[in-house]
């Protein structure tokens, strides 16, 4: 008998994020090809919010967020890797809501 599927509910101020899939190689603004294996120190990561706890105020499911993958907890669910963190560990939020922002667009 297969295991029943259980819905995951985040608690308190926790956010679960799926890391955005990079295309691998990328180009710098000067046109230099950077291979996927290049190590970049202290690089922030974009991801998509998949779940939020009841005390999260600034982020909703589906938002793109910028965070540091270092020192965060990873969990694998059905073969997909996710990162679990507190809302305060997020650096930026990109969404369609126009409350306030930097004037920069993705």
PDB file of N, CA and C in Angstrom:
ATOM      1  N   UNK A   1       0.847  -1.177   0.000  1.00  0.00           N
ATOM      2  CA  UNK A   1       0.000   0.000   0.000  1.00  0.00           C
ATOM      3  C   UNK A   1       0.896   1.245   0.000  1.00  0.00           C
ATOM      4  N   UNK A   2       0.693   2.182  -0.946  1.00  0.00           N
ATOM      5  CA  UNK A   2       1.528   3.388  -0.999  1.00  0.00           C
ATOM      6  C   UNK A   2       1.235   4.311   0.176  1.00  0.00           C
ATOM      7  N   UNK A   3       2.250   5.110   0.528  1.00  0.00           N
ATOM      8  CA  UNK A   3       2.082   6.081   1.613  1.00  0.00           C
ATOM      9  C   UNK A   3       1.091   7.159   1.202  1.00  0.00           C
ATOM     10  N   UNK A   4       0.211   7.585   2.125  1.00  0.00           N
ATOM     11  CA  UNK A   4      -0.718   8.669   1.785  1.00  0.00           C
ATOM     12  C   UNK A   4       0.034   9.991   1.628  1.00  0.00           C
ATOM     13  N   UNK A   5      -0.449  10.851   0.769  1.00  0.00           N
ATOM     14  CA  UNK A   5       0.161  12.169   0.576  1.00  0.00           C
ATOM     15  C   UNK A   5      -0.301  13.083   1.705  1.00  0.00           C
ATOM     16  N   UNK A   6       0.644  13.787   2.307  1.00  0.00           N
ATOM     17  CA  UNK A   6       0.338  14.684   3.413  1.00  0.00           C
ATOM     18  C   UNK A   6       0.653  16.108   3.001  1.00  0.00           C
ATOM     19  N   UNK A   7      -0.240  17.011   3.311  1.00  0.00           N
ATOM     20  CA  UNK A   7      -0.024  18.430   3.018  1.00  0.00           C
ATOM     21  C   UNK A   7       0.940  19.017   4.041  1.00  0.00           C
ATOM     22  N   UNK A   8       1.872  19.829   3.567  1.00  0.00           N
ATOM     23  CA  UNK A   8       2.849  20.465   4.449  1.00  0.00           C
ATOM     24  C   UNK A   8       2.387  21.874   4.775  1.00  0.00           C
ATOM     25  N   UNK A   9       2.326  22.186   6.069  1.00  0.00           N
ATOM     26  CA  UNK A   9       1.947  23.517   6.529  1.00  0.00           C
ATOM     27  C   UNK A   9       3.125  24.102   7.288  1.00  0.00           C
ATOM     28  N   UNK A  10       3.600  25.256   6.850  1.00  0.00           N
ATOM     29  CA  UNK A  10       4.722  25.914   7.518  1.00  0.00           C
ATOM     30  C   UNK A  10       4.223  26.567   8.805  1.00  0.00           C
ATOM     31  N   UNK A  11       5.076  26.614   9.815  1.00  0.00           N
ATOM     32  CA  UNK A  11       4.706  27.163  11.109  1.00  0.00           C
ATOM     33  C   UNK A  11       5.346  28.526  11.341  1.00  0.00           C
ATOM     34  N   UNK A  12       4.685  29.340  12.120  1.00  0.00           N
ATOM     35  CA  UNK A  12       5.185  30.624  12.613  1.00  0.00           C
ATOM     36  C   UNK A  12       5.711  31.524  11.493  1.00  0.00           C
ATOM     37  N   UNK A  13       7.004  31.898  11.533  1.00  0.00           N
ATOM     38  CA  UNK A  13       7.564  32.827  10.541  1.00  0.00           C
ATOM     39  C   UNK A  13       8.423  32.106   9.508  1.00  0.00           C
ATOM     40  N   UNK A  14       8.154  30.825   9.284  1.00  0.00           N
ATOM     41  CA  UNK A  14       8.959  30.034   8.357  1.00  0.00           C
ATOM     42  C   UNK A  14       8.442  30.148   6.925  1.00  0.00           C
ATOM     43  N   UNK A  15       9.387  30.075   5.983  1.00  0.00           N
ATOM     44  CA  UNK A  15       9.093  30.140   4.554  1.00  0.00           C
ATOM     45  C   UNK A  15       9.802  28.963   3.897  1.00  0.00           C
ATOM     46  N   UNK A  16       9.137  28.294   2.966  1.00  0.00           N
ATOM     47  CA  UNK A  16       9.785  27.227   2.204  1.00  0.00           C
ATOM     48  C   UNK A  16       9.917  27.701   0.763  1.00  0.00           C
ATOM     49  N   UNK A  17      11.132  27.577   0.226  1.00  0.00           N
ATOM     50  CA  UNK A  17      11.468  28.150  -1.079  1.00  0.00           C
ATOM     51  C   UNK A  17      12.059  27.075  -1.978  1.00  0.00           C
ATOM     52  N   UNK A  18      11.636  27.066  -3.243  1.00  0.00           N
ATOM     53  CA  UNK A  18      12.244  26.201  -4.253  1.00  0.00           C
ATOM     54  C   UNK A  18      13.208  27.049  -5.059  1.00  0.00           C
ATOM     55  N   UNK A  19      14.459  26.623  -5.108  1.00  0.00           N
ATOM     56  CA  UNK A  19      15.482  27.390  -5.819  1.00  0.00           C
ATOM     57  C   UNK A  19      15.166  27.422  -7.305  1.00  0.00           C
ATOM     58  N   UNK A  20      15.310  28.603  -7.903  1.00  0.00           N
ATOM     59  CA  UNK A  20      15.086  28.763  -9.342  1.00  0.00           C
ATOM     60  C   UNK A  20      16.145  27.982 -10.095  1.00  0.00           C
ATOM     61  N   UNK A  21      15.731  27.272 -11.129  1.00  0.00           N
ATOM     62  CA  UNK A  21      16.658  26.479 -11.928  1.00  0.00           C
ATOM     63  C   UNK A  21      17.457  27.393 -12.839  1.00  0.00           C
ATOM     64  N   UNK A  22      18.758  27.372 -12.663  1.00  0.00           N
ATOM     65  CA  UNK A  22      19.646  28.167 -13.513  1.00  0.00           C
ATOM     66  C   UNK A  22      19.832  27.438 -14.841  1.00  0.00           C
ATOM     67  N   UNK A  23      20.080  28.169 -15.878  1.00  0.00           N
ATOM     68  CA  UNK A  23      20.305  27.578 -17.190  1.00  0.00           C
ATOM     69  C   UNK A  23      21.700  26.990 -17.301  1.00  0.00           C
ATOM     70  N   UNK A  24      22.490  27.101 -16.259  1.00  0.00           N
ATOM     71  CA  UNK A  24      23.858  26.597 -16.294  1.00  0.00           C
ATOM     72  C   UNK A  24      24.816  27.731 -16.580  1.00  0.00           C
ATOM     73  N   UNK A  25      25.292  27.805 -17.802  1.00  0.00           N
ATOM     74  CA  UNK A  25      26.205  28.875 -18.169  1.00  0.00           C
ATOM     75  C   UNK A  25      25.455  30.196 -18.229  1.00  0.00           C
ATOM     76  N   UNK A  26      26.167  31.269 -17.930  1.00  0.00           N
ATOM     77  CA  UNK A  26      25.562  32.592 -18.024  1.00  0.00           C
ATOM     78  C   UNK A  26      26.616  33.554 -18.555  1.00  0.00           C
ATOM     79  N   UNK A  27      26.182  34.721 -18.976  1.00  0.00           N
ATOM     80  CA  UNK A  27      27.100  35.734 -19.516  1.00  0.00           C
ATOM     81  C   UNK A  27      27.117  36.939 -18.595  1.00  0.00           C
ATOM     82  N   UNK A  28      28.302  37.505 -18.442  1.00  0.00           N
ATOM     83  CA  UNK A  28      28.435  38.735 -17.667  1.00  0.00           C
ATOM     84  C   UNK A  28      27.936  39.889 -18.522  1.00  0.00           C
ATOM     85  N   UNK A  29      27.805  41.066 -17.917  1.00  0.00           N
ATOM     86  CA  UNK A  29      27.349  42.231 -18.676  1.00  0.00           C
ATOM     87  C   UNK A  29      28.340  42.618 -19.763  1.00  0.00           C
ATOM     88  N   UNK A  30      29.607  42.213 -19.619  1.00  0.00           N
ATOM     89  CA  UNK A  30      30.631  42.490 -20.629  1.00  0.00           C
ATOM     90  C   UNK A  30      30.707  41.432 -21.715  1.00  0.00           C
ATOM     91  N   UNK A  31      29.849  40.377 -21.608  1.00  0.00           N
ATOM     92  CA  UNK A  31      29.814  39.346 -22.630  1.00  0.00           C
ATOM     93  C   UNK A  31      30.697  38.142 -22.354  1.00  0.00           C
ATOM     94  N   UNK A  32      31.316  38.074 -21.197  1.00  0.00           N
ATOM     95  CA  UNK A  32      32.183  36.948 -20.855  1.00  0.00           C
ATOM     96  C   UNK A  32      31.317  35.766 -20.436  1.00  0.00           C
ATOM     97  N   UNK A  33      31.589  34.589 -21.009  1.00  0.00           N
ATOM     98  CA  UNK A  33      30.860  33.375 -20.685  1.00  0.00           C
ATOM     99  C   UNK A  33      31.368  32.819 -19.354  1.00  0.00           C
ATOM    100  N   UNK A  34      30.448  32.624 -18.392  1.00  0.00           N
ATOM    101  CA  UNK A  34      30.793  32.097 -17.083  1.00  0.00           C
ATOM    102  C   UNK A  34      30.221  30.689 -16.994  1.00  0.00           C
ATOM    103  N   UNK A  35      31.062  29.649 -16.866  1.00  0.00           N
ATOM    104  CA  UNK A  35      30.550  28.271 -16.821  1.00  0.00           C
ATOM    105  C   UNK A  35      29.758  28.002 -15.548  1.00  0.00           C
ATOM    106  N   UNK A  36      28.895  26.997 -15.602  1.00  0.00           N
ATOM    107  CA  UNK A  36      28.061  26.648 -14.457  1.00  0.00           C
ATOM    108  C   UNK A  36      28.891  26.162 -13.279  1.00  0.00           C
ATOM    109  N   UNK A  37      30.087  25.678 -13.536  1.00  0.00           N
ATOM    110  CA  UNK A  37      30.934  25.147 -12.463  1.00  0.00           C
ATOM    111  C   UNK A  37      31.757  26.212 -11.760  1.00  0.00           C
ATOM    112  N   UNK A  38      31.691  27.458 -12.217  1.00  0.00           N
ATOM    113  CA  UNK A  38      32.474  28.542 -11.604  1.00  0.00           C
ATOM    114  C   UNK A  38      31.985  28.809 -10.190  1.00  0.00           C
ATOM    115  N   UNK A  39      32.904  28.947  -9.271  1.00  0.00           N
ATOM    116  CA  UNK A  39      32.571  29.249  -7.888  1.00  0.00           C
ATOM    117  C   UNK A  39      32.511  30.756  -7.696  1.00  0.00           C
ATOM    118  N   UNK A  40      31.413  31.237  -7.164  1.00  0.00           N
ATOM    119  CA  UNK A  40      31.249  32.657  -6.892  1.00  0.00           C
ATOM    120  C   UNK A  40      31.024  32.804  -5.397  1.00  0.00           C
ATOM    121  N   UNK A  41      31.838  33.585  -4.733  1.00  0.00           N
ATOM    122  CA  UNK A  41      31.731  33.747  -3.285  1.00  0.00           C
ATOM    123  C   UNK A  41      30.539  34.616  -2.924  1.00  0.00           C
ATOM    124  N   UNK A  42      29.828  34.211  -1.902  1.00  0.00           N
ATOM    125  CA  UNK A  42      28.731  34.995  -1.325  1.00  0.00           C
ATOM    126  C   UNK A  42      27.698  35.437  -2.357  1.00  0.00           C
ATOM    127  N   UNK A  43      27.285  34.527  -3.216  1.00  0.00           N
ATOM    128  CA  UNK A  43      26.294  34.848  -4.229  1.00  0.00           C
ATOM    129  C   UNK A  43      24.893  34.563  -3.681  1.00  0.00           C
ATOM    130  N   UNK A  44      23.983  35.526  -3.821  1.00  0.00           N
ATOM    131  CA  UNK A  44      22.599  35.334  -3.400  1.00  0.00           C
ATOM    132  C   UNK A  44      21.845  34.547  -4.464  1.00  0.00           C
ATOM    133  N   UNK A  45      20.777  33.902  -4.065  1.00  0.00           N
ATOM    134  CA  UNK A  45      20.023  32.998  -4.932  1.00  0.00           C
ATOM    135  C   UNK A  45      18.572  33.457  -5.038  1.00  0.00           C
ATOM    136  N   UNK A  46      18.007  33.359  -6.243  1.00  0.00           N
ATOM    137  CA  UNK A  46      16.583  33.611  -6.446  1.00  0.00           C
ATOM    138  C   UNK A  46      15.828  32.301  -6.290  1.00  0.00           C
ATOM    139  N   UNK A  47      14.654  32.382  -5.694  1.00  0.00           N
ATOM    140  CA  UNK A  47      13.816  31.201  -5.537  1.00  0.00           C
ATOM    141  C   UNK A  47      12.348  31.594  -5.522  1.00  0.00           C
ATOM    142  N   UNK A  48      11.489  30.590  -5.590  1.00  0.00           N
ATOM    143  CA  UNK A  48      10.033  30.814  -5.573  1.00  0.00           C
ATOM    144  C   UNK A  48       9.464  30.308  -4.258  1.00  0.00           C
ATOM    145  N   UNK A  49       8.647  31.126  -3.614  1.00  0.00           N
ATOM    146  CA  UNK A  49       8.032  30.757  -2.348  1.00  0.00           C
ATOM    147  C   UNK A  49       6.946  29.721  -2.608  1.00  0.00           C
ATOM    148  N   UNK A  50       7.036  28.591  -1.896  1.00  0.00           N
ATOM    149  CA  UNK A  50       6.060  27.508  -2.064  1.00  0.00           C
ATOM    150  C   UNK A  50       5.125  27.374  -0.866  1.00  0.00           C
ATOM    151  N   UNK A  51       5.490  27.972   0.266  1.00  0.00           N
ATOM    152  CA  UNK A  51       4.642  27.913   1.442  1.00  0.00           C
ATOM    153  C   UNK A  51       5.113  28.910   2.478  1.00  0.00           C
ATOM    154  N   UNK A  52       4.176  29.444   3.263  1.00  0.00           N
ATOM    155  CA  UNK A  52       4.508  30.413   4.306  1.00  0.00           C
ATOM    156  C   UNK A  52       3.770  30.060   5.588  1.00  0.00           C
ATOM    157  N   UNK A  53       4.369  30.428   6.720  1.00  0.00           N
ATOM    158  CA  UNK A  53       3.739  30.222   8.017  1.00  0.00           C
ATOM    159  C   UNK A  53       2.713  31.301   8.316  1.00  0.00           C
ATOM    160  N   UNK A  54       2.002  31.133   9.409  1.00  0.00           N
ATOM    161  CA  UNK A  54       0.909  32.049   9.750  1.00  0.00           C
ATOM    162  C   UNK A  54       1.386  33.434  10.176  1.00  0.00           C
ATOM    163  N   UNK A  55       2.645  33.584  10.596  1.00  0.00           N
ATOM    164  CA  UNK A  55       3.148  34.879  11.042  1.00  0.00           C
ATOM    165  C   UNK A  55       3.989  35.605   9.986  1.00  0.00           C
ATOM    166  N   UNK A  56       4.011  35.104   8.769  1.00  0.00           N
ATOM    167  CA  UNK A  56       4.752  35.753   7.685  1.00  0.00           C
ATOM    168  C   UNK A  56       3.907  36.904   7.153  1.00  0.00           C
ATOM    169  N   UNK A  57       4.514  38.100   7.032  1.00  0.00           N
ATOM    170  CA  UNK A  57       3.755  39.293   6.668  1.00  0.00           C
ATOM    171  C   UNK A  57       4.057  39.830   5.277  1.00  0.00           C
ATOM    172  N   UNK A  58       5.291  39.686   4.786  1.00  0.00           N
ATOM    173  CA  UNK A  58       5.703  40.384   3.567  1.00  0.00           C
ATOM    174  C   UNK A  58       5.780  39.509   2.327  1.00  0.00           C
ATOM    175  N   UNK A  59       5.556  38.226   2.472  1.00  0.00           N
ATOM    176  CA  UNK A  59       5.753  37.301   1.368  1.00  0.00           C
ATOM    177  C   UNK A  59       4.514  36.433   1.205  1.00  0.00           C
ATOM    178  N   UNK A  60       4.179  36.130  -0.047  1.00  0.00           N
ATOM    179  CA  UNK A  60       3.062  35.230  -0.341  1.00  0.00           C
ATOM    180  C   UNK A  60       3.545  34.100  -1.234  1.00  0.00           C
ATOM    181  N   UNK A  61       2.800  33.020  -1.266  1.00  0.00           N
ATOM    182  CA  UNK A  61       3.127  31.893  -2.135  1.00  0.00           C
ATOM    183  C   UNK A  61       3.149  32.384  -3.587  1.00  0.00           C
ATOM    184  N   UNK A  62       4.178  32.005  -4.319  1.00  0.00           N
ATOM    185  CA  UNK A  62       4.333  32.416  -5.706  1.00  0.00           C
ATOM    186  C   UNK A  62       5.284  33.579  -5.906  1.00  0.00           C
ATOM    187  N   UNK A  63       5.633  34.307  -4.847  1.00  0.00           N
ATOM    188  CA  UNK A  63       6.585  35.415  -4.954  1.00  0.00           C
ATOM    189  C   UNK A  63       7.979  34.879  -5.235  1.00  0.00           C
ATOM    190  N   UNK A  64       8.788  35.670  -5.936  1.00  0.00           N
ATOM    191  CA  UNK A  64      10.210  35.354  -6.110  1.00  0.00           C
ATOM    192  C   UNK A  64      10.970  36.097  -5.023  1.00  0.00           C
ATOM    193  N   UNK A  65      11.877  35.391  -4.370  1.00  0.00           N
ATOM    194  CA  UNK A  65      12.625  35.987  -3.272  1.00  0.00           C
ATOM    195  C   UNK A  65      14.122  35.796  -3.489  1.00  0.00           C
ATOM    196  N   UNK A  66      14.886  36.714  -2.915  1.00  0.00           N
ATOM    197  CA  UNK A  66      16.345  36.682  -2.976  1.00  0.00           C
ATOM    198  C   UNK A  66      16.851  36.338  -1.584  1.00  0.00           C
ATOM    199  N   UNK A  67      17.694  35.300  -1.499  1.00  0.00           N
ATOM    200  CA  UNK A  67      18.177  34.848  -0.202  1.00  0.00           C
ATOM    201  C   UNK A  67      19.570  34.258  -0.338  1.00  0.00           C
ATOM    202  N   UNK A  68      20.236  34.071   0.776  1.00  0.00           N
ATOM    203  CA  UNK A  68      21.549  33.438   0.809  1.00  0.00           C
ATOM    204  C   UNK A  68      21.343  31.960   1.114  1.00  0.00           C
ATOM    205  N   UNK A  69      21.797  31.105   0.216  1.00  0.00           N
ATOM    206  CA  UNK A  69      21.626  29.661   0.410  1.00  0.00           C
ATOM    207  C   UNK A  69      22.564  29.115   1.489  1.00  0.00           C
ATOM    208  N   UNK A  70      23.588  29.897   1.840  1.00  0.00           N
ATOM    209  CA  UNK A  70      24.509  29.482   2.900  1.00  0.00           C
ATOM    210  C   UNK A  70      23.777  29.487   4.243  1.00  0.00           C
ATOM    211  N   UNK A  71      24.108  28.549   5.097  1.00  0.00           N
ATOM    212  CA  UNK A  71      23.578  28.483   6.466  1.00  0.00           C
ATOM    213  C   UNK A  71      22.055  28.339   6.509  1.00  0.00           C
ATOM    214  N   UNK A  72      21.443  27.774   5.489  1.00  0.00           N
ATOM    215  CA  UNK A  72      20.004  27.527   5.501  1.00  0.00           C
ATOM    216  C   UNK A  72      19.770  26.020   5.542  1.00  0.00           C
ATOM    217  N   UNK A  73      18.582  25.621   5.889  1.00  0.00           N
ATOM    218  CA  UNK A  73      18.238  24.211   5.977  1.00  0.00           C
ATOM    219  C   UNK A  73      17.589  23.760   4.678  1.00  0.00           C
ATOM    220  N   UNK A  74      18.062  22.642   4.147  1.00  0.00           N
ATOM    221  CA  UNK A  74      17.480  22.077   2.937  1.00  0.00           C
ATOM    222  C   UNK A  74      16.690  20.831   3.295  1.00  0.00           C
ATOM    223  N   UNK A  75      15.625  20.601   2.541  1.00  0.00           N
ATOM    224  CA  UNK A  75      14.813  19.410   2.711  1.00  0.00           C
ATOM    225  C   UNK A  75      14.444  18.917   1.322  1.00  0.00           C
ATOM    226  N   UNK A  76      14.355  17.606   1.162  1.00  0.00           N
ATOM    227  CA  UNK A  76      13.957  17.033  -0.121  1.00  0.00           C
ATOM    228  C   UNK A  76      12.565  16.462   0.028  1.00  0.00           C
ATOM    229  N   UNK A  77      11.672  16.877  -0.871  1.00  0.00           N
ATOM    230  CA  UNK A  77      10.289  16.412  -0.867  1.00  0.00           C
ATOM    231  C   UNK A  77       9.983  15.879  -2.253  1.00  0.00           C
ATOM    232  N   UNK A  78       9.691  14.594  -2.339  1.00  0.00           N
ATOM    233  CA  UNK A  78       9.384  13.920  -3.601  1.00  0.00           C
ATOM    234  C   UNK A  78      10.437  14.209  -4.669  1.00  0.00           C
ATOM    235  N   UNK A  79      11.713  14.156  -4.290  1.00  0.00           N
ATOM    236  CA  UNK A  79      12.807  14.323  -5.221  1.00  0.00           C
ATOM    237  C   UNK A  79      13.167  15.764  -5.560  1.00  0.00           C
ATOM    238  N   UNK A  80      12.452  16.733  -5.026  1.00  0.00           N
ATOM    239  CA  UNK A  80      12.717  18.151  -5.291  1.00  0.00           C
ATOM    240  C   UNK A  80      13.322  18.776  -4.039  1.00  0.00           C
ATOM    241  N   UNK A  81      14.405  19.541  -4.201  1.00  0.00           N
ATOM    242  CA  UNK A  81      15.068  20.189  -3.069  1.00  0.00           C
ATOM    243  C   UNK A  81      14.407  21.531  -2.760  1.00  0.00           C
ATOM    244  N   UNK A  82      14.168  21.788  -1.476  1.00  0.00           N
ATOM    245  CA  UNK A  82      13.590  23.037  -0.993  1.00  0.00           C
ATOM    246  C   UNK A  82      14.473  23.580   0.117  1.00  0.00           C
ATOM    247  N   UNK A  83      14.382  24.877   0.365  1.00  0.00           N
ATOM    248  CA  UNK A  83      15.098  25.535   1.452  1.00  0.00           C
ATOM    249  C   UNK A  83      14.073  26.078   2.434  1.00  0.00           C
ATOM    250  N   UNK A  84      14.291  25.825   3.722  1.00  0.00           N
ATOM    251  CA  UNK A  84      13.404  26.318   4.777  1.00  0.00           C
ATOM    252  C   UNK A  84      14.164  27.384   5.560  1.00  0.00           C
ATOM    253  N   UNK A  85      13.533  28.531   5.756  1.00  0.00           N
ATOM    254  CA  UNK A  85      14.194  29.637   6.460  1.00  0.00           C
ATOM    255  C   UNK A  85      13.159  30.515   7.151  1.00  0.00           C
ATOM    256  N   UNK A  86      13.653  31.439   7.955  1.00  0.00           N
ATOM    257  CA  UNK A  86      12.785  32.438   8.569  1.00  0.00           C
ATOM    258  C   UNK A  86      12.558  33.575   7.574  1.00  0.00           C
ATOM    259  N   UNK A  87      11.446  34.269   7.714  1.00  0.00           N
ATOM    260  CA  UNK A  87      11.153  35.392   6.833  1.00  0.00           C
ATOM    261  C   UNK A  87      12.244  36.461   6.917  1.00  0.00           C
ATOM    262  N   UNK A  88      12.818  36.670   8.074  1.00  0.00           N
ATOM    263  CA  UNK A  88      13.840  37.706   8.239  1.00  0.00           C
ATOM    264  C   UNK A  88      15.132  37.394   7.494  1.00  0.00           C
ATOM    265  N   UNK A  89      15.322  36.141   7.038  1.00  0.00           N
ATOM    266  CA  UNK A  89      16.513  35.765   6.284  1.00  0.00           C
ATOM    267  C   UNK A  89      16.393  36.084   4.795  1.00  0.00           C
ATOM    268  N   UNK A  90      15.246  36.586   4.356  1.00  0.00           N
ATOM    269  CA  UNK A  90      15.059  36.974   2.958  1.00  0.00           C
ATOM    270  C   UNK A  90      15.621  38.375   2.751  1.00  0.00           C
ATOM    271  N   UNK A  91      16.248  38.601   1.593  1.00  0.00           N
ATOM    272  CA  UNK A  91      16.846  39.901   1.300  1.00  0.00           C
ATOM    273  C   UNK A  91      15.949  40.778   0.436  1.00  0.00           C
ATOM    274  N   UNK A  92      15.141  40.172  -0.433  1.00  0.00           N
ATOM    275  CA  UNK A  92      14.278  40.951  -1.330  1.00  0.00           C
ATOM    276  C   UNK A  92      13.126  40.081  -1.799  1.00  0.00           C
ATOM    277  N   UNK A  93      12.038  40.741  -2.213  1.00  0.00           N
ATOM    278  CA  UNK A  93      10.859  40.064  -2.744  1.00  0.00           C
ATOM    279  C   UNK A  93      10.514  40.696  -4.077  1.00  0.00           C
ATOM    280  N   UNK A  94      10.264  39.871  -5.090  1.00  0.00           N
ATOM    281  CA  UNK A  94       9.830  40.358  -6.403  1.00  0.00           C
ATOM    282  C   UNK A  94       8.431  39.792  -6.652  1.00  0.00           C
ATOM    283  N   UNK A  95       7.462  40.708  -6.867  1.00  0.00           N
ATOM    284  CA  UNK A  95       6.090  40.275  -7.119  1.00  0.00           C
ATOM    285  C   UNK A  95       5.381  41.323  -7.965  1.00  0.00           C
ATOM    286  N   UNK A  96       4.125  41.056  -8.291  1.00  0.00           N
ATOM    287  CA  UNK A  96       3.339  41.968  -9.126  1.00  0.00           C
ATOM    288  C   UNK A  96       2.677  43.077  -8.323  1.00  0.00           C
ATOM    289  N   UNK A  97       2.669  42.963  -7.009  1.00  0.00           N
ATOM    290  CA  UNK A  97       2.026  43.972  -6.165  1.00  0.00           C
ATOM    291  C   UNK A  97       2.902  45.216  -6.113  1.00  0.00           C
ATOM    292  N   UNK A  98       2.318  46.375  -6.320  1.00  0.00           N
ATOM    293  CA  UNK A  98       3.091  47.623  -6.394  1.00  0.00           C
ATOM    294  C   UNK A  98       2.892  48.471  -5.138  1.00  0.00           C
ATOM    295  N   UNK A  99       3.271  47.933  -3.984  1.00  0.00           N
ATOM    296  CA  UNK A  99       3.146  48.687  -2.738  1.00  0.00           C
ATOM    297  C   UNK A  99       4.298  49.689  -2.608  1.00  0.00           C
ATOM    298  N   UNK A 100       5.501  49.213  -2.783  1.00  0.00           N
ATOM    299  CA  UNK A 100       6.695  50.040  -2.756  1.00  0.00           C
ATOM    300  C   UNK A 100       7.831  49.177  -3.291  1.00  0.00           C
ATOM    301  N   UNK A 101       8.895  49.800  -3.718  1.00  0.00           N
ATOM    302  CA  UNK A 101       9.989  49.002  -4.276  1.00  0.00           C
ATOM    303  C   UNK A 101      11.188  49.863  -4.594  1.00  0.00           C
ATOM    304  N   UNK A 102      12.108  49.305  -5.359  1.00  0.00           N
ATOM    305  CA  UNK A 102      13.354  49.985  -5.680  1.00  0.00           C
ATOM    306  C   UNK A 102      13.312  50.679  -7.025  1.00  0.00           C
ATOM    307  N   UNK A 103      12.311  50.346  -7.855  1.00  0.00           N
ATOM    308  CA  UNK A 103      12.275  50.878  -9.214  1.00  0.00           C
ATOM    309  C   UNK A 103      12.970  49.959 -10.190  1.00  0.00           C
ATOM    310  N   UNK A 104      13.556  48.866  -9.690  1.00  0.00           N
ATOM    311  CA  UNK A 104      14.183  47.871 -10.563  1.00  0.00           C
ATOM    312  C   UNK A 104      13.177  46.767 -10.868  1.00  0.00           C
ATOM    313  N   UNK A 105      13.287  46.169 -12.035  1.00  0.00           N
ATOM    314  CA  UNK A 105      12.349  45.137 -12.455  1.00  0.00           C
ATOM    315  C   UNK A 105      13.081  43.914 -12.930  1.00  0.00           C
ATOM    316  N   UNK A 106      12.503  42.734 -12.717  1.00  0.00           N
ATOM    317  CA  UNK A 106      13.059  41.486 -13.234  1.00  0.00           C
ATOM    318  C   UNK A 106      12.502  41.196 -14.594  1.00  0.00           C
TER     319      UNK A 106
END
